[in-house]
């Protein structure tokens, strides 16, 4: 979905450069998720259980609301 790609690109452009290494690693893990799983997280149908991934997903979603 193009909209979800745009969410990820916005995070990559605006937030990722200032992230610490742990958050950068978590974002890379987010990018490795299967599409259905990633879509469920970004559409808030599910919450990821690994805390670092949940933190990045929340930051991606918060970024879109501001």
PDB file of N, CA and C in Angstrom:
ATOM      1  N   UNK A   1       0.834  -1.176   0.000  1.00  0.00           N
ATOM      2  CA  UNK A   1       0.000   0.000   0.000  1.00  0.00           C
ATOM      3  C   UNK A   1       0.882   1.244   0.000  1.00  0.00           C
ATOM      4  N   UNK A   2       0.599   2.110  -0.898  1.00  0.00           N
ATOM      5  CA  UNK A   2       1.403   3.329  -1.040  1.00  0.00           C
ATOM      6  C   UNK A   2       1.378   4.184   0.224  1.00  0.00           C
ATOM      7  N   UNK A   3       0.242   4.270   0.880  1.00  0.00           N
ATOM      8  CA  UNK A   3       0.131   5.099   2.085  1.00  0.00           C
ATOM      9  C   UNK A   3       1.070   4.607   3.189  1.00  0.00           C
ATOM     10  N   UNK A   4       1.166   3.285   3.330  1.00  0.00           N
ATOM     11  CA  UNK A   4       2.050   2.735   4.351  1.00  0.00           C
ATOM     12  C   UNK A   4       3.513   2.968   3.996  1.00  0.00           C
ATOM     13  N   UNK A   5       3.826   2.871   2.710  1.00  0.00           N
ATOM     14  CA  UNK A   5       5.184   3.178   2.268  1.00  0.00           C
ATOM     15  C   UNK A   5       5.532   4.624   2.609  1.00  0.00           C
ATOM     16  N   UNK A   6       4.580   5.518   2.419  1.00  0.00           N
ATOM     17  CA  UNK A   6       4.822   6.926   2.721  1.00  0.00           C
ATOM     18  C   UNK A   6       5.057   7.142   4.219  1.00  0.00           C
ATOM     19  N   UNK A   7       4.338   6.411   5.063  1.00  0.00           N
ATOM     20  CA  UNK A   7       4.574   6.493   6.511  1.00  0.00           C
ATOM     21  C   UNK A   7       6.020   6.128   6.839  1.00  0.00           C
ATOM     22  N   UNK A   8       6.459   5.025   6.260  1.00  0.00           N
ATOM     23  CA  UNK A   8       7.818   4.550   6.538  1.00  0.00           C
ATOM     24  C   UNK A   8       8.866   5.507   5.993  1.00  0.00           C
ATOM     25  N   UNK A   9       8.628   6.039   4.806  1.00  0.00           N
ATOM     26  CA  UNK A   9       9.589   6.974   4.219  1.00  0.00           C
ATOM     27  C   UNK A   9       9.665   8.270   5.011  1.00  0.00           C
ATOM     28  N   UNK A  10       8.534   8.741   5.504  1.00  0.00           N
ATOM     29  CA  UNK A  10       8.529   9.965   6.310  1.00  0.00           C
ATOM     30  C   UNK A  10       9.353   9.750   7.590  1.00  0.00           C
ATOM     31  N   UNK A  11       9.144   8.598   8.215  1.00  0.00           N
ATOM     32  CA  UNK A  11       9.929   8.280   9.422  1.00  0.00           C
ATOM     33  C   UNK A  11      11.417   8.220   9.067  1.00  0.00           C
ATOM     34  N   UNK A  12      11.729   7.555   7.974  1.00  0.00           N
ATOM     35  CA  UNK A  12      13.120   7.399   7.556  1.00  0.00           C
ATOM     36  C   UNK A  12      13.769   8.748   7.296  1.00  0.00           C
ATOM     37  N   UNK A  13      13.053   9.634   6.658  1.00  0.00           N
ATOM     38  CA  UNK A  13      13.598  10.954   6.332  1.00  0.00           C
ATOM     39  C   UNK A  13      13.694  11.876   7.538  1.00  0.00           C
ATOM     40  N   UNK A  14      12.677  11.854   8.407  1.00  0.00           N
ATOM     41  CA  UNK A  14      12.573  12.866   9.449  1.00  0.00           C
ATOM     42  C   UNK A  14      13.058  12.421  10.826  1.00  0.00           C
ATOM     43  N   UNK A  15      12.910  11.156  11.158  1.00  0.00           N
ATOM     44  CA  UNK A  15      13.204  10.695  12.513  1.00  0.00           C
ATOM     45  C   UNK A  15      14.461   9.823  12.571  1.00  0.00           C
ATOM     46  N   UNK A  16      14.568   8.897  11.648  1.00  0.00           N
ATOM     47  CA  UNK A  16      15.655   7.910  11.651  1.00  0.00           C
ATOM     48  C   UNK A  16      17.052   8.525  11.782  1.00  0.00           C
ATOM     49  N   UNK A  17      17.367   9.613  11.073  1.00  0.00           N
ATOM     50  CA  UNK A  17      18.730  10.146  11.188  1.00  0.00           C
ATOM     51  C   UNK A  17      19.131  10.525  12.615  1.00  0.00           C
ATOM     52  N   UNK A  18      18.172  10.913  13.446  1.00  0.00           N
ATOM     53  CA  UNK A  18      18.483  11.299  14.816  1.00  0.00           C
ATOM     54  C   UNK A  18      18.327  10.186  15.829  1.00  0.00           C
ATOM     55  N   UNK A  19      17.906   9.015  15.372  1.00  0.00           N
ATOM     56  CA  UNK A  19      17.710   7.880  16.276  1.00  0.00           C
ATOM     57  C   UNK A  19      19.035   7.357  16.815  1.00  0.00           C
ATOM     58  N   UNK A  20      18.958   6.742  18.000  1.00  0.00           N
ATOM     59  CA  UNK A  20      20.126   6.045  18.521  1.00  0.00           C
ATOM     60  C   UNK A  20      20.239   4.692  17.804  1.00  0.00           C
ATOM     61  N   UNK A  21      21.322   4.006  18.029  1.00  0.00           N
ATOM     62  CA  UNK A  21      21.561   2.749  17.305  1.00  0.00           C
ATOM     63  C   UNK A  21      20.499   1.684  17.605  1.00  0.00           C
ATOM     64  N   UNK A  22      20.009   1.637  18.828  1.00  0.00           N
ATOM     65  CA  UNK A  22      18.981   0.648  19.185  1.00  0.00           C
ATOM     66  C   UNK A  22      17.692   0.891  18.399  1.00  0.00           C
ATOM     67  N   UNK A  23      17.289   2.160  18.269  1.00  0.00           N
ATOM     68  CA  UNK A  23      16.080   2.468  17.513  1.00  0.00           C
ATOM     69  C   UNK A  23      16.289   2.263  16.021  1.00  0.00           C
ATOM     70  N   UNK A  24      17.483   2.555  15.533  1.00  0.00           N
ATOM     71  CA  UNK A  24      17.779   2.288  14.117  1.00  0.00           C
ATOM     72  C   UNK A  24      17.689   0.794  13.837  1.00  0.00           C
ATOM     73  N   UNK A  25      18.220  -0.007  14.750  1.00  0.00           N
ATOM     74  CA  UNK A  25      18.149  -1.457  14.591  1.00  0.00           C
ATOM     75  C   UNK A  25      16.694  -1.930  14.625  1.00  0.00           C
ATOM     76  N   UNK A  26      15.893  -1.376  15.522  1.00  0.00           N
ATOM     77  CA  UNK A  26      14.477  -1.751  15.604  1.00  0.00           C
ATOM     78  C   UNK A  26      13.748  -1.369  14.322  1.00  0.00           C
ATOM     79  N   UNK A  27      14.072  -0.220  13.744  1.00  0.00           N
ATOM     80  CA  UNK A  27      13.442   0.177  12.481  1.00  0.00           C
ATOM     81  C   UNK A  27      13.816  -0.800  11.373  1.00  0.00           C
ATOM     82  N   UNK A  28      15.060  -1.219  11.347  1.00  0.00           N
ATOM     83  CA  UNK A  28      15.475  -2.217  10.346  1.00  0.00           C
ATOM     84  C   UNK A  28      14.704  -3.519  10.537  1.00  0.00           C
ATOM     85  N   UNK A  29      14.432  -3.883  11.790  1.00  0.00           N
ATOM     86  CA  UNK A  29      13.633  -5.074  12.057  1.00  0.00           C
ATOM     87  C   UNK A  29      12.197  -4.891  11.561  1.00  0.00           C
ATOM     88  N   UNK A  30      11.669  -3.692  11.725  1.00  0.00           N
ATOM     89  CA  UNK A  30      10.325  -3.392  11.214  1.00  0.00           C
ATOM     90  C   UNK A  30      10.294  -3.605   9.705  1.00  0.00           C
ATOM     91  N   UNK A  31      11.323  -3.154   9.009  1.00  0.00           N
ATOM     92  CA  UNK A  31      11.359  -3.299   7.548  1.00  0.00           C
ATOM     93  C   UNK A  31      11.449  -4.757   7.114  1.00  0.00           C
ATOM     94  N   UNK A  32      11.926  -5.633   7.979  1.00  0.00           N
ATOM     95  CA  UNK A  32      12.040  -7.057   7.654  1.00  0.00           C
ATOM     96  C   UNK A  32      10.760  -7.836   7.928  1.00  0.00           C
ATOM     97  N   UNK A  33       9.763  -7.209   8.535  1.00  0.00           N
ATOM     98  CA  UNK A  33       8.508  -7.895   8.834  1.00  0.00           C
ATOM     99  C   UNK A  33       7.784  -8.260   7.545  1.00  0.00           C
ATOM    100  N   UNK A  34       7.027  -9.335   7.600  1.00  0.00           N
ATOM    101  CA  UNK A  34       6.189  -9.706   6.465  1.00  0.00           C
ATOM    102  C   UNK A  34       5.127  -8.625   6.264  1.00  0.00           C
ATOM    103  N   UNK A  35       4.753  -8.379   5.025  1.00  0.00           N
ATOM    104  CA  UNK A  35       3.792  -7.319   4.712  1.00  0.00           C
ATOM    105  C   UNK A  35       2.497  -7.409   5.517  1.00  0.00           C
ATOM    106  N   UNK A  36       1.872  -8.586   5.633  1.00  0.00           N
ATOM    107  CA  UNK A  36       0.620  -8.635   6.411  1.00  0.00           C
ATOM    108  C   UNK A  36       0.818  -8.229   7.875  1.00  0.00           C
ATOM    109  N   UNK A  37       1.941  -8.631   8.451  1.00  0.00           N
ATOM    110  CA  UNK A  37       2.230  -8.288   9.841  1.00  0.00           C
ATOM    111  C   UNK A  37       2.478  -6.784   9.986  1.00  0.00           C
ATOM    112  N   UNK A  38       3.280  -6.223   9.101  1.00  0.00           N
ATOM    113  CA  UNK A  38       3.564  -4.794   9.128  1.00  0.00           C
ATOM    114  C   UNK A  38       2.281  -3.988   8.926  1.00  0.00           C
ATOM    115  N   UNK A  39       1.467  -4.396   7.981  1.00  0.00           N
ATOM    116  CA  UNK A  39       0.194  -3.706   7.743  1.00  0.00           C
ATOM    117  C   UNK A  39      -0.689  -3.736   8.984  1.00  0.00           C
ATOM    118  N   UNK A  40      -0.764  -4.869   9.641  1.00  0.00           N
ATOM    119  CA  UNK A  40      -1.589  -4.980  10.850  1.00  0.00           C
ATOM    120  C   UNK A  40      -1.099  -4.025  11.933  1.00  0.00           C
ATOM    121  N   UNK A  41       0.203  -3.878  12.065  1.00  0.00           N
ATOM    122  CA  UNK A  41       0.754  -2.968  13.068  1.00  0.00           C
ATOM    123  C   UNK A  41       0.474  -1.510  12.706  1.00  0.00           C
ATOM    124  N   UNK A  42       0.734  -1.153  11.448  1.00  0.00           N
ATOM    125  CA  UNK A  42       0.564   0.238  11.044  1.00  0.00           C
ATOM    126  C   UNK A  42      -0.900   0.649  10.947  1.00  0.00           C
ATOM    127  N   UNK A  43      -1.769  -0.308  10.718  1.00  0.00           N
ATOM    128  CA  UNK A  43      -3.199  -0.009  10.692  1.00  0.00           C
ATOM    129  C   UNK A  43      -3.842  -0.200  12.065  1.00  0.00           C
ATOM    130  N   UNK A  44      -3.016  -0.487  13.048  1.00  0.00           N
ATOM    131  CA  UNK A  44      -3.404  -0.642  14.452  1.00  0.00           C
ATOM    132  C   UNK A  44      -4.422  -1.759  14.668  1.00  0.00           C
ATOM    133  N   UNK A  45      -4.282  -2.811  13.901  1.00  0.00           N
ATOM    134  CA  UNK A  45      -5.110  -4.002  14.110  1.00  0.00           C
ATOM    135  C   UNK A  45      -4.461  -4.942  15.116  1.00  0.00           C
ATOM    136  N   UNK A  46      -3.145  -4.805  15.279  1.00  0.00           N
ATOM    137  CA  UNK A  46      -2.369  -5.599  16.234  1.00  0.00           C
ATOM    138  C   UNK A  46      -1.267  -4.706  16.791  1.00  0.00           C
ATOM    139  N   UNK A  47      -0.771  -5.097  17.960  1.00  0.00           N
ATOM    140  CA  UNK A  47       0.397  -4.432  18.525  1.00  0.00           C
ATOM    141  C   UNK A  47       1.545  -5.436  18.570  1.00  0.00           C
ATOM    142  N   UNK A  48       2.721  -5.016  18.151  1.00  0.00           N
ATOM    143  CA  UNK A  48       3.867  -5.930  18.209  1.00  0.00           C
ATOM    144  C   UNK A  48       4.259  -6.206  19.647  1.00  0.00           C
ATOM    145  N   UNK A  49       4.719  -7.433  19.895  1.00  0.00           N
ATOM    146  CA  UNK A  49       5.120  -7.774  21.260  1.00  0.00           C
ATOM    147  C   UNK A  49       6.566  -7.384  21.574  1.00  0.00           C
ATOM    148  N   UNK A  50       7.507  -7.482  20.631  1.00  0.00           N
ATOM    149  CA  UNK A  50       8.855  -7.024  21.001  1.00  0.00           C
ATOM    150  C   UNK A  50       8.831  -5.512  21.271  1.00  0.00           C
ATOM    151  N   UNK A  51       9.255  -5.114  22.444  1.00  0.00           N
ATOM    152  CA  UNK A  51       9.178  -3.705  22.850  1.00  0.00           C
ATOM    153  C   UNK A  51       9.888  -2.752  21.892  1.00  0.00           C
ATOM    154  N   UNK A  52      11.083  -3.064  21.406  1.00  0.00           N
ATOM    155  CA  UNK A  52      11.733  -2.114  20.493  1.00  0.00           C
ATOM    156  C   UNK A  52      10.918  -1.882  19.213  1.00  0.00           C
ATOM    157  N   UNK A  53      10.326  -2.937  18.685  1.00  0.00           N
ATOM    158  CA  UNK A  53       9.510  -2.786  17.480  1.00  0.00           C
ATOM    159  C   UNK A  53       8.241  -2.001  17.812  1.00  0.00           C
ATOM    160  N   UNK A  54       7.624  -2.278  18.930  1.00  0.00           N
ATOM    161  CA  UNK A  54       6.425  -1.536  19.340  1.00  0.00           C
ATOM    162  C   UNK A  54       6.747  -0.051  19.492  1.00  0.00           C
ATOM    163  N   UNK A  55       7.908   0.261  20.048  1.00  0.00           N
ATOM    164  CA  UNK A  55       8.310   1.663  20.233  1.00  0.00           C
ATOM    165  C   UNK A  55       8.438   2.362  18.880  1.00  0.00           C
ATOM    166  N   UNK A  56       9.060   1.704  17.909  1.00  0.00           N
ATOM    167  CA  UNK A  56       9.228   2.311  16.587  1.00  0.00           C
ATOM    168  C   UNK A  56       7.875   2.461  15.894  1.00  0.00           C
ATOM    169  N   UNK A  57       7.035   1.449  15.967  1.00  0.00           N
ATOM    170  CA  UNK A  57       5.701   1.542  15.358  1.00  0.00           C
ATOM    171  C   UNK A  57       4.938   2.715  15.967  1.00  0.00           C
ATOM    172  N   UNK A  58       4.991   2.859  17.271  1.00  0.00           N
ATOM    173  CA  UNK A  58       4.308   3.977  17.932  1.00  0.00           C
ATOM    174  C   UNK A  58       4.865   5.317  17.476  1.00  0.00           C
ATOM    175  N   UNK A  59       6.165   5.399  17.301  1.00  0.00           N
ATOM    176  CA  UNK A  59       6.774   6.650  16.834  1.00  0.00           C
ATOM    177  C   UNK A  59       6.371   6.950  15.399  1.00  0.00           C
ATOM    178  N   UNK A  60       6.278   5.931  14.560  1.00  0.00           N
ATOM    179  CA  UNK A  60       5.825   6.124  13.183  1.00  0.00           C
ATOM    180  C   UNK A  60       4.396   6.650  13.178  1.00  0.00           C
ATOM    181  N   UNK A  61       3.534   6.036  13.978  1.00  0.00           N
ATOM    182  CA  UNK A  61       2.139   6.430  14.019  1.00  0.00           C
ATOM    183  C   UNK A  61       1.964   7.824  14.637  1.00  0.00           C
ATOM    184  N   UNK A  62       2.698   8.130  15.677  1.00  0.00           N
ATOM    185  CA  UNK A  62       2.618   9.467  16.299  1.00  0.00           C
ATOM    186  C   UNK A  62       3.019  10.538  15.320  1.00  0.00           C
ATOM    187  N   UNK A  63       4.025  10.236  14.520  1.00  0.00           N
ATOM    188  CA  UNK A  63       4.540  11.208  13.547  1.00  0.00           C
ATOM    189  C   UNK A  63       3.453  11.600  12.551  1.00  0.00           C
ATOM    190  N   UNK A  64       2.555  10.685  12.245  1.00  0.00           N
ATOM    191  CA  UNK A  64       1.528  10.975  11.255  1.00  0.00           C
ATOM    192  C   UNK A  64       0.392  11.796  11.837  1.00  0.00           C
ATOM    193  N   UNK A  65       0.297  11.872  13.148  1.00  0.00           N
ATOM    194  CA  UNK A  65      -0.800  12.613  13.782  1.00  0.00           C
ATOM    195  C   UNK A  65      -0.437  14.039  14.102  1.00  0.00           C
ATOM    196  N   UNK A  66       0.830  14.418  13.898  1.00  0.00           N
ATOM    197  CA  UNK A  66       1.241  15.774  14.238  1.00  0.00           C
ATOM    198  C   UNK A  66       1.321  16.652  13.011  1.00  0.00           C
TER     199      UNK A  66
END
